[in-house]
Amino acid sequence: MASSHIVIDHNDIKNFAERTDGKPAIVSDTKGNGGPGMLRFDHGRDNDGLEQISWDRFFEIFEEQQLALMLDKSGDNPSFNKFVSRNQD
């Protein structure tokens, strides 16, 4: 990937998900010990272990964990996404 950009705006994140046919989800196996689980988008393929959640719950977790969404800015891989910490030093 040539370049990436970071997104934290909820509307921009929803728009990305809609463009890539993604639904808000968590990785089921990562829930526990009081934690909400790791966020992902369910694209309907290779989704074993994903549990779809509401957008409200998705953004609640997103804000609690102070996450940002890294996207491919170059256009080489338009569906690339990765959740990262907003507070990277």
PDB file of N, CA and C in Angstrom:
ATOM      1  N   MET A   1       0.855  -1.176   0.000  1.00  0.00           N
ATOM      2  CA  MET A   1       0.000   0.000   0.000  1.00  0.00           C
ATOM      3  C   MET A   1       0.895   1.230   0.000  1.00  0.00           C
ATOM      4  N   ALA A   2       0.685   2.100  -0.962  1.00  0.00           N
ATOM      5  CA  ALA A   2       1.537   3.266  -1.135  1.00  0.00           C
ATOM      6  C   ALA A   2       1.335   4.307  -0.041  1.00  0.00           C
ATOM      7  N   SER A   3       0.102   4.589   0.318  1.00  0.00           N
ATOM      8  CA  SER A   3      -0.153   5.581   1.354  1.00  0.00           C
ATOM      9  C   SER A   3      -1.470   5.277   2.046  1.00  0.00           C
ATOM     10  N   SER A   4      -1.566   5.773   3.266  1.00  0.00           N
ATOM     11  CA  SER A   4      -2.787   5.541   4.035  1.00  0.00           C
ATOM     12  C   SER A   4      -3.201   6.841   4.694  1.00  0.00           C
ATOM     13  N   HIS A   5      -4.431   6.868   5.148  1.00  0.00           N
ATOM     14  CA  HIS A   5      -4.895   8.000   5.945  1.00  0.00           C
ATOM     15  C   HIS A   5      -5.758   7.479   7.084  1.00  0.00           C
ATOM     16  N   ILE A   6      -5.867   8.293   8.100  1.00  0.00           N
ATOM     17  CA  ILE A   6      -6.564   7.932   9.331  1.00  0.00           C
ATOM     18  C   ILE A   6      -7.905   8.648   9.379  1.00  0.00           C
ATOM     19  N   VAL A   7      -8.951   7.896   9.730  1.00  0.00           N
ATOM     20  CA  VAL A   7     -10.311   8.430   9.799  1.00  0.00           C
ATOM     21  C   VAL A   7     -10.861   8.194  11.200  1.00  0.00           C
ATOM     22  N   ILE A   8     -11.461   9.245  11.776  1.00  0.00           N
ATOM     23  CA  ILE A   8     -12.140   9.072  13.067  1.00  0.00           C
ATOM     24  C   ILE A   8     -13.593   9.548  13.007  1.00  0.00           C
ATOM     25  N   ASP A   9     -13.955  10.261  11.949  1.00  0.00           N
ATOM     26  CA  ASP A   9     -15.315  10.761  11.801  1.00  0.00           C
ATOM     27  C   ASP A   9     -16.285   9.596  11.578  1.00  0.00           C
ATOM     28  N   HIS A  10     -17.311   9.520  12.393  1.00  0.00           N
ATOM     29  CA  HIS A  10     -18.258   8.405  12.334  1.00  0.00           C
ATOM     30  C   HIS A  10     -18.950   8.299  10.980  1.00  0.00           C
ATOM     31  N   ASN A  11     -19.333   9.413  10.406  1.00  0.00           N
ATOM     32  CA  ASN A  11     -19.997   9.381   9.093  1.00  0.00           C
ATOM     33  C   ASN A  11     -19.063   8.865   8.010  1.00  0.00           C
ATOM     34  N   ASP A  12     -17.795   9.277   8.055  1.00  0.00           N
ATOM     35  CA  ASP A  12     -16.820   8.793   7.079  1.00  0.00           C
ATOM     36  C   ASP A  12     -16.619   7.290   7.211  1.00  0.00           C
ATOM     37  N   ILE A  13     -16.622   6.799   8.440  1.00  0.00           N
ATOM     38  CA  ILE A  13     -16.451   5.364   8.679  1.00  0.00           C
ATOM     39  C   ILE A  13     -17.654   4.588   8.157  1.00  0.00           C
ATOM     40  N   LYS A  14     -18.845   5.088   8.428  1.00  0.00           N
ATOM     41  CA  LYS A  14     -20.058   4.446   7.914  1.00  0.00           C
ATOM     42  C   LYS A  14     -20.065   4.444   6.385  1.00  0.00           C
ATOM     43  N   ASN A  15     -19.657   5.560   5.783  1.00  0.00           N
ATOM     44  CA  ASN A  15     -19.599   5.648   4.325  1.00  0.00           C
ATOM     45  C   ASN A  15     -18.620   4.631   3.747  1.00  0.00           C
ATOM     46  N   PHE A  16     -17.463   4.474   4.389  1.00  0.00           N
ATOM     47  CA  PHE A  16     -16.504   3.472   3.937  1.00  0.00           C
ATOM     48  C   PHE A  16     -17.136   2.082   4.001  1.00  0.00           C
ATOM     49  N   ALA A  17     -17.776   1.769   5.127  1.00  0.00           N
ATOM     50  CA  ALA A  17     -18.395   0.450   5.296  1.00  0.00           C
ATOM     51  C   ALA A  17     -19.458   0.208   4.224  1.00  0.00           C
ATOM     52  N   GLU A  18     -20.275   1.199   3.964  1.00  0.00           N
ATOM     53  CA  GLU A  18     -21.319   1.052   2.944  1.00  0.00           C
ATOM     54  C   GLU A  18     -20.725   0.841   1.557  1.00  0.00           C
ATOM     55  N   ARG A  19     -19.661   1.578   1.222  1.00  0.00           N
ATOM     56  CA  ARG A  19     -19.002   1.427  -0.083  1.00  0.00           C
ATOM     57  C   ARG A  19     -18.419   0.029  -0.268  1.00  0.00           C
ATOM     58  N   THR A  20     -17.989  -0.593   0.832  1.00  0.00           N
ATOM     59  CA  THR A  20     -17.345  -1.907   0.746  1.00  0.00           C
ATOM     60  C   THR A  20     -18.277  -3.034   1.202  1.00  0.00           C
ATOM     61  N   ASP A  21     -19.568  -2.724   1.355  1.00  0.00           N
ATOM     62  CA  ASP A  21     -20.569  -3.702   1.808  1.00  0.00           C
ATOM     63  C   ASP A  21     -20.220  -4.315   3.159  1.00  0.00           C
ATOM     64  N   GLY A  22     -19.648  -3.517   4.045  1.00  0.00           N
ATOM     65  CA  GLY A  22     -19.280  -3.985   5.380  1.00  0.00           C
ATOM     66  C   GLY A  22     -20.337  -3.649   6.416  1.00  0.00           C
ATOM     67  N   LYS A  23     -20.492  -4.551   7.365  1.00  0.00           N
ATOM     68  CA  LYS A  23     -21.403  -4.354   8.499  1.00  0.00           C
ATOM     69  C   LYS A  23     -20.570  -4.310   9.779  1.00  0.00           C
ATOM     70  N   PRO A  24     -20.955  -3.494  10.759  1.00  0.00           N
ATOM     71  CA  PRO A  24     -20.183  -3.417  12.004  1.00  0.00           C
ATOM     72  C   PRO A  24     -20.224  -4.746  12.745  1.00  0.00           C
ATOM     73  N   ALA A  25     -19.057  -5.160  13.261  1.00  0.00           N
ATOM     74  CA  ALA A  25     -18.964  -6.457  13.934  1.00  0.00           C
ATOM     75  C   ALA A  25     -17.830  -6.446  14.947  1.00  0.00           C
ATOM     76  N   ILE A  26     -17.837  -7.464  15.782  1.00  0.00           N
ATOM     77  CA  ILE A  26     -16.716  -7.729  16.686  1.00  0.00           C
ATOM     78  C   ILE A  26     -16.274  -9.167  16.462  1.00  0.00           C
ATOM     79  N   VAL A  27     -15.028  -9.441  16.841  1.00  0.00           N
ATOM     80  CA  VAL A  27     -14.503 -10.803  16.799  1.00  0.00           C
ATOM     81  C   VAL A  27     -14.962 -11.484  18.085  1.00  0.00           C
ATOM     82  N   SER A  28     -15.834 -12.475  17.948  1.00  0.00           N
ATOM     83  CA  SER A  28     -16.461 -13.111  19.117  1.00  0.00           C
ATOM     84  C   SER A  28     -15.448 -13.654  20.110  1.00  0.00           C
ATOM     85  N   ASP A  29     -14.389 -14.256  19.618  1.00  0.00           N
ATOM     86  CA  ASP A  29     -13.395 -14.884  20.504  1.00  0.00           C
ATOM     87  C   ASP A  29     -12.626 -13.883  21.346  1.00  0.00           C
ATOM     88  N   THR A  30     -12.726 -12.594  21.018  1.00  0.00           N
ATOM     89  CA  THR A  30     -11.971 -11.597  21.772  1.00  0.00           C
ATOM     90  C   THR A  30     -12.798 -10.952  22.867  1.00  0.00           C
ATOM     91  N   LYS A  31     -14.068 -11.328  22.967  1.00  0.00           N
ATOM     92  CA  LYS A  31     -14.895 -10.813  24.061  1.00  0.00           C
ATOM     93  C   LYS A  31     -14.504 -11.557  25.329  1.00  0.00           C
ATOM     94  N   GLY A  32     -14.624 -10.905  26.426  1.00  0.00           N
ATOM     95  CA  GLY A  32     -14.355 -11.564  27.702  1.00  0.00           C
ATOM     96  C   GLY A  32     -13.515 -10.680  28.600  1.00  0.00           C
ATOM     97  N   ASN A  33     -13.361 -11.109  29.835  1.00  0.00           N
ATOM     98  CA  ASN A  33     -12.631 -10.343  30.836  1.00  0.00           C
ATOM     99  C   ASN A  33     -13.102  -8.895  30.885  1.00  0.00           C
ATOM    100  N   GLY A  34     -14.392  -8.696  30.648  1.00  0.00           N
ATOM    101  CA  GLY A  34     -14.962  -7.363  30.708  1.00  0.00           C
ATOM    102  C   GLY A  34     -14.731  -6.526  29.465  1.00  0.00           C
ATOM    103  N   GLY A  35     -13.995  -7.057  28.483  1.00  0.00           N
ATOM    104  CA  GLY A  35     -13.722  -6.301  27.262  1.00  0.00           C
ATOM    105  C   GLY A  35     -14.802  -6.528  26.218  1.00  0.00           C
ATOM    106  N   PRO A  36     -14.983  -5.547  25.343  1.00  0.00           N
ATOM    107  CA  PRO A  36     -16.044  -5.634  24.341  1.00  0.00           C
ATOM    108  C   PRO A  36     -15.691  -6.470  23.122  1.00  0.00           C
ATOM    109  N   GLY A  37     -14.425  -6.719  22.868  1.00  0.00           N
ATOM    110  CA  GLY A  37     -14.007  -7.448  21.671  1.00  0.00           C
ATOM    111  C   GLY A  37     -13.393  -6.520  20.646  1.00  0.00           C
ATOM    112  N   MET A  38     -12.702  -7.111  19.690  1.00  0.00           N
ATOM    113  CA  MET A  38     -12.033  -6.345  18.641  1.00  0.00           C
ATOM    114  C   MET A  38     -13.015  -6.001  17.529  1.00  0.00           C
ATOM    115  N   LEU A  39     -12.982  -4.759  17.088  1.00  0.00           N
ATOM    116  CA  LEU A  39     -13.865  -4.316  16.019  1.00  0.00           C
ATOM    117  C   LEU A  39     -13.380  -4.804  14.659  1.00  0.00           C
ATOM    118  N   ARG A  40     -14.331  -5.107  13.803  1.00  0.00           N
ATOM    119  CA  ARG A  40     -14.072  -5.500  12.421  1.00  0.00           C
ATOM    120  C   ARG A  40     -15.288  -5.109  11.592  1.00  0.00           C
ATOM    121  N   PHE A  41     -15.151  -5.227  10.270  1.00  0.00           N
ATOM    122  CA  PHE A  41     -16.295  -5.110   9.374  1.00  0.00           C
ATOM    123  C   PHE A  41     -16.568  -6.494   8.808  1.00  0.00           C
ATOM    124  N   ASP A  42     -17.826  -6.888   8.840  1.00  0.00           N
ATOM    125  CA  ASP A  42     -18.254  -8.169   8.277  1.00  0.00           C
ATOM    126  C   ASP A  42     -18.649  -7.918   6.829  1.00  0.00           C
ATOM    127  N   HIS A  43     -17.859  -8.470   5.912  1.00  0.00           N
ATOM    128  CA  HIS A  43     -18.116  -8.313   4.483  1.00  0.00           C
ATOM    129  C   HIS A  43     -18.787  -9.541   3.891  1.00  0.00           C
ATOM    130  N   GLY A  44     -19.245 -10.455   4.755  1.00  0.00           N
ATOM    131  CA  GLY A  44     -19.986 -11.614   4.285  1.00  0.00           C
ATOM    132  C   GLY A  44     -19.129 -12.723   3.716  1.00  0.00           C
ATOM    133  N   ARG A  45     -17.832 -12.609   3.858  1.00  0.00           N
ATOM    134  CA  ARG A  45     -16.931 -13.668   3.410  1.00  0.00           C
ATOM    135  C   ARG A  45     -15.837 -13.812   4.466  1.00  0.00           C
ATOM    136  N   ASP A  46     -15.389 -15.024   4.660  1.00  0.00           N
ATOM    137  CA  ASP A  46     -14.371 -15.274   5.687  1.00  0.00           C
ATOM    138  C   ASP A  46     -14.752 -14.618   7.002  1.00  0.00           C
ATOM    139  N   ASN A  47     -16.023 -14.780   7.383  1.00  0.00           N
ATOM    140  CA  ASN A  47     -16.511 -14.096   8.573  1.00  0.00           C
ATOM    141  C   ASN A  47     -16.724 -15.028   9.763  1.00  0.00           C
ATOM    142  N   ASP A  48     -16.073 -16.190   9.747  1.00  0.00           N
ATOM    143  CA  ASP A  48     -16.171 -17.077  10.906  1.00  0.00           C
ATOM    144  C   ASP A  48     -15.681 -16.335  12.147  1.00  0.00           C
ATOM    145  N   GLY A  49     -16.463 -16.401  13.189  1.00  0.00           N
ATOM    146  CA  GLY A  49     -16.080 -15.770  14.444  1.00  0.00           C
ATOM    147  C   GLY A  49     -16.480 -14.315  14.564  1.00  0.00           C
ATOM    148  N   LEU A  50     -17.124 -13.762  13.535  1.00  0.00           N
ATOM    149  CA  LEU A  50     -17.581 -12.382  13.641  1.00  0.00           C
ATOM    150  C   LEU A  50     -19.030 -12.347  14.097  1.00  0.00           C
ATOM    151  N   GLU A  51     -19.315 -11.379  14.932  1.00  0.00           N
ATOM    152  CA  GLU A  51     -20.677 -11.178  15.438  1.00  0.00           C
ATOM    153  C   GLU A  51     -21.096  -9.758  15.075  1.00  0.00           C
ATOM    154  N   GLN A  52     -22.114  -9.612  14.248  1.00  0.00           N
ATOM    155  CA  GLN A  52     -22.572  -8.273  13.872  1.00  0.00           C
ATOM    156  C   GLN A  52     -23.159  -7.557  15.079  1.00  0.00           C
ATOM    157  N   ILE A  53     -22.893  -6.267  15.139  1.00  0.00           N
ATOM    158  CA  ILE A  53     -23.394  -5.416  16.226  1.00  0.00           C
ATOM    159  C   ILE A  53     -24.005  -4.156  15.602  1.00  0.00           C
ATOM    160  N   SER A  54     -24.715  -3.391  16.414  1.00  0.00           N
ATOM    161  CA  SER A  54     -25.327  -2.145  15.929  1.00  0.00           C
ATOM    162  C   SER A  54     -24.241  -1.084  15.723  1.00  0.00           C
ATOM    163  N   TRP A  55     -24.573  -0.099  14.898  1.00  0.00           N
ATOM    164  CA  TRP A  55     -23.646   1.017  14.729  1.00  0.00           C
ATOM    165  C   TRP A  55     -23.443   1.754  16.045  1.00  0.00           C
ATOM    166  N   ASP A  56     -24.488   1.866  16.863  1.00  0.00           N
ATOM    167  CA  ASP A  56     -24.347   2.544  18.159  1.00  0.00           C
ATOM    168  C   ASP A  56     -23.321   1.831  19.028  1.00  0.00           C
ATOM    169  N   ARG A  57     -23.422   0.508  19.107  1.00  0.00           N
ATOM    170  CA  ARG A  57     -22.464  -0.270  19.912  1.00  0.00           C
ATOM    171  C   ARG A  57     -21.068  -0.182  19.307  1.00  0.00           C
ATOM    172  N   PHE A  58     -20.983  -0.261  17.990  1.00  0.00           N
ATOM    173  CA  PHE A  58     -19.703  -0.166  17.297  1.00  0.00           C
ATOM    174  C   PHE A  58     -18.985   1.125  17.685  1.00  0.00           C
ATOM    175  N   PHE A  59     -19.695   2.263  17.591  1.00  0.00           N
ATOM    176  CA  PHE A  59     -19.059   3.549  17.881  1.00  0.00           C
ATOM    177  C   PHE A  59     -18.831   3.758  19.375  1.00  0.00           C
ATOM    178  N   GLU A  60     -19.625   3.120  20.206  1.00  0.00           N
ATOM    179  CA  GLU A  60     -19.374   3.158  21.648  1.00  0.00           C
ATOM    180  C   GLU A  60     -18.011   2.518  21.936  1.00  0.00           C
ATOM    181  N   ILE A  61     -17.765   1.336  21.374  1.00  0.00           N
ATOM    182  CA  ILE A  61     -16.480   0.651  21.548  1.00  0.00           C
ATOM    183  C   ILE A  61     -15.356   1.465  20.905  1.00  0.00           C
ATOM    184  N   PHE A  62     -15.600   1.979  19.700  1.00  0.00           N
ATOM    185  CA  PHE A  62     -14.624   2.772  18.959  1.00  0.00           C
ATOM    186  C   PHE A  62     -14.134   3.948  19.804  1.00  0.00           C
ATOM    187  N   GLU A  63     -15.065   4.648  20.454  1.00  0.00           N
ATOM    188  CA  GLU A  63     -14.701   5.804  21.276  1.00  0.00           C
ATOM    189  C   GLU A  63     -14.074   5.383  22.604  1.00  0.00           C
ATOM    190  N   GLU A  64     -14.612   4.343  23.247  1.00  0.00           N
ATOM    191  CA  GLU A  64     -14.041   3.865  24.515  1.00  0.00           C
ATOM    192  C   GLU A  64     -12.574   3.493  24.347  1.00  0.00           C
ATOM    193  N   GLN A  65     -12.256   2.861  23.221  1.00  0.00           N
ATOM    194  CA  GLN A  65     -10.891   2.392  22.990  1.00  0.00           C
ATOM    195  C   GLN A  65     -10.031   3.421  22.266  1.00  0.00           C
ATOM    196  N   GLN A  66     -10.599   4.604  22.005  1.00  0.00           N
ATOM    197  CA  GLN A  66      -9.889   5.678  21.318  1.00  0.00           C
ATOM    198  C   GLN A  66      -9.218   5.181  20.039  1.00  0.00           C
ATOM    199  N   LEU A  67     -10.050   4.557  19.178  1.00  0.00           N
ATOM    200  CA  LEU A  67      -9.553   3.994  17.929  1.00  0.00           C
ATOM    201  C   LEU A  67      -9.684   4.973  16.773  1.00  0.00           C
ATOM    202  N   ALA A  68      -8.975   4.666  15.712  1.00  0.00           N
ATOM    203  CA  ALA A  68      -9.079   5.354  14.427  1.00  0.00           C
ATOM    204  C   ALA A  68      -9.077   4.264  13.372  1.00  0.00           C
ATOM    205  N   LEU A  69      -9.541   4.600  12.185  1.00  0.00           N
ATOM    206  CA  LEU A  69      -9.581   3.642  11.086  1.00  0.00           C
ATOM    207  C   LEU A  69      -8.563   4.059  10.029  1.00  0.00           C
ATOM    208  N   MET A  70      -7.620   3.160   9.737  1.00  0.00           N
ATOM    209  CA  MET A  70      -6.626   3.414   8.703  1.00  0.00           C
ATOM    210  C   MET A  70      -7.157   2.868   7.383  1.00  0.00           C
ATOM    211  N   LEU A  71      -7.131   3.716   6.357  1.00  0.00           N
ATOM    212  CA  LEU A  71      -7.616   3.338   5.028  1.00  0.00           C
ATOM    213  C   LEU A  71      -6.526   3.583   3.992  1.00  0.00           C
ATOM    214  N   ASP A  72      -6.628   2.900   2.856  1.00  0.00           N
ATOM    215  CA  ASP A  72      -5.701   3.079   1.743  1.00  0.00           C
ATOM    216  C   ASP A  72      -6.065   4.343   0.984  1.00  0.00           C
ATOM    217  N   LYS A  73      -5.163   5.297   0.967  1.00  0.00           N
ATOM    218  CA  LYS A  73      -5.400   6.572   0.299  1.00  0.00           C
ATOM    219  C   LYS A  73      -5.053   6.499  -1.195  1.00  0.00           C
ATOM    220  N   SER A  74      -4.198   5.554  -1.564  1.00  0.00           N
ATOM    221  CA  SER A  74      -3.713   5.489  -2.945  1.00  0.00           C
ATOM    222  C   SER A  74      -4.747   4.952  -3.922  1.00  0.00           C
ATOM    223  N   GLY A  75      -5.713   4.177  -3.415  1.00  0.00           N
ATOM    224  CA  GLY A  75      -6.694   3.552  -4.288  1.00  0.00           C
ATOM    225  C   GLY A  75      -6.277   2.177  -4.763  1.00  0.00           C
ATOM    226  N   ASP A  76      -5.058   1.746  -4.413  1.00  0.00           N
ATOM    227  CA  ASP A  76      -4.569   0.421  -4.807  1.00  0.00           C
ATOM    228  C   ASP A  76      -5.393  -0.703  -4.199  1.00  0.00           C
ATOM    229  N   ASN A  77      -5.854  -0.492  -2.978  1.00  0.00           N
ATOM    230  CA  ASN A  77      -6.622  -1.509  -2.263  1.00  0.00           C
ATOM    231  C   ASN A  77      -7.780  -0.800  -1.549  1.00  0.00           C
ATOM    232  N   PRO A  78      -8.850  -0.455  -2.266  1.00  0.00           N
ATOM    233  CA  PRO A  78      -9.914   0.379  -1.703  1.00  0.00           C
ATOM    234  C   PRO A  78     -10.667  -0.249  -0.532  1.00  0.00           C
ATOM    235  N   SER A  79     -10.580  -1.559  -0.343  1.00  0.00           N
ATOM    236  CA  SER A  79     -11.286  -2.169   0.788  1.00  0.00           C
ATOM    237  C   SER A  79     -10.374  -2.378   2.002  1.00  0.00           C
ATOM    238  N   PHE A  80      -9.080  -2.017   1.888  1.00  0.00           N
ATOM    239  CA  PHE A  80      -8.162  -2.155   3.027  1.00  0.00           C
ATOM    240  C   PHE A  80      -8.648  -1.302   4.180  1.00  0.00           C
ATOM    241  N   ASN A  81      -8.618  -1.886   5.376  1.00  0.00           N
ATOM    242  CA  ASN A  81      -8.915  -1.122   6.585  1.00  0.00           C
ATOM    243  C   ASN A  81      -8.262  -1.800   7.770  1.00  0.00           C
ATOM    244  N   LYS A  82      -7.867  -0.986   8.728  1.00  0.00           N
ATOM    245  CA  LYS A  82      -7.240  -1.502   9.944  1.00  0.00           C
ATOM    246  C   LYS A  82      -7.561  -0.535  11.078  1.00  0.00           C
ATOM    247  N   PHE A  83      -7.988  -1.090  12.206  1.00  0.00           N
ATOM    248  CA  PHE A  83      -8.244  -0.256  13.377  1.00  0.00           C
ATOM    249  C   PHE A  83      -6.943  -0.063  14.133  1.00  0.00           C
ATOM    250  N   VAL A  84      -6.637   1.199  14.446  1.00  0.00           N
ATOM    251  CA  VAL A  84      -5.409   1.552  15.139  1.00  0.00           C
ATOM    252  C   VAL A  84      -5.737   2.513  16.271  1.00  0.00           C
ATOM    253  N   SER A  85      -4.806   2.660  17.187  1.00  0.00           N
ATOM    254  CA  SER A  85      -4.979   3.590  18.292  1.00  0.00           C
ATOM    255  C   SER A  85      -4.821   5.027  17.813  1.00  0.00           C
ATOM    256  N   ARG A  86      -5.670   5.902  18.314  1.00  0.00           N
ATOM    257  CA  ARG A  86      -5.529   7.331  18.011  1.00  0.00           C
ATOM    258  C   ARG A  86      -4.330   7.926  18.702  1.00  0.00           C
ATOM    259  N   ASN A  87      -3.922   7.289  19.785  1.00  0.00           N
ATOM    260  CA  ASN A  87      -2.894   7.843  20.662  1.00  0.00           C
ATOM    261  C   ASN A  87      -1.534   7.223  20.411  1.00  0.00           C
ATOM    262  N   GLN A  88      -1.175   7.045  19.144  1.00  0.00           N
ATOM    263  CA  GLN A  88       0.139   6.496  18.835  1.00  0.00           C
ATOM    264  C   GLN A  88       1.191   7.561  19.055  1.00  0.00           C
ATOM    265  N   ASP A  89       2.254   7.164  19.716  1.00  0.00           N
ATOM    266  CA  ASP A  89       3.352   8.118  19.986  1.00  0.00           C
ATOM    267  C   ASP A  89       4.416   8.020  18.923  1.00  0.00           C
TER     268      ASP A  89
END
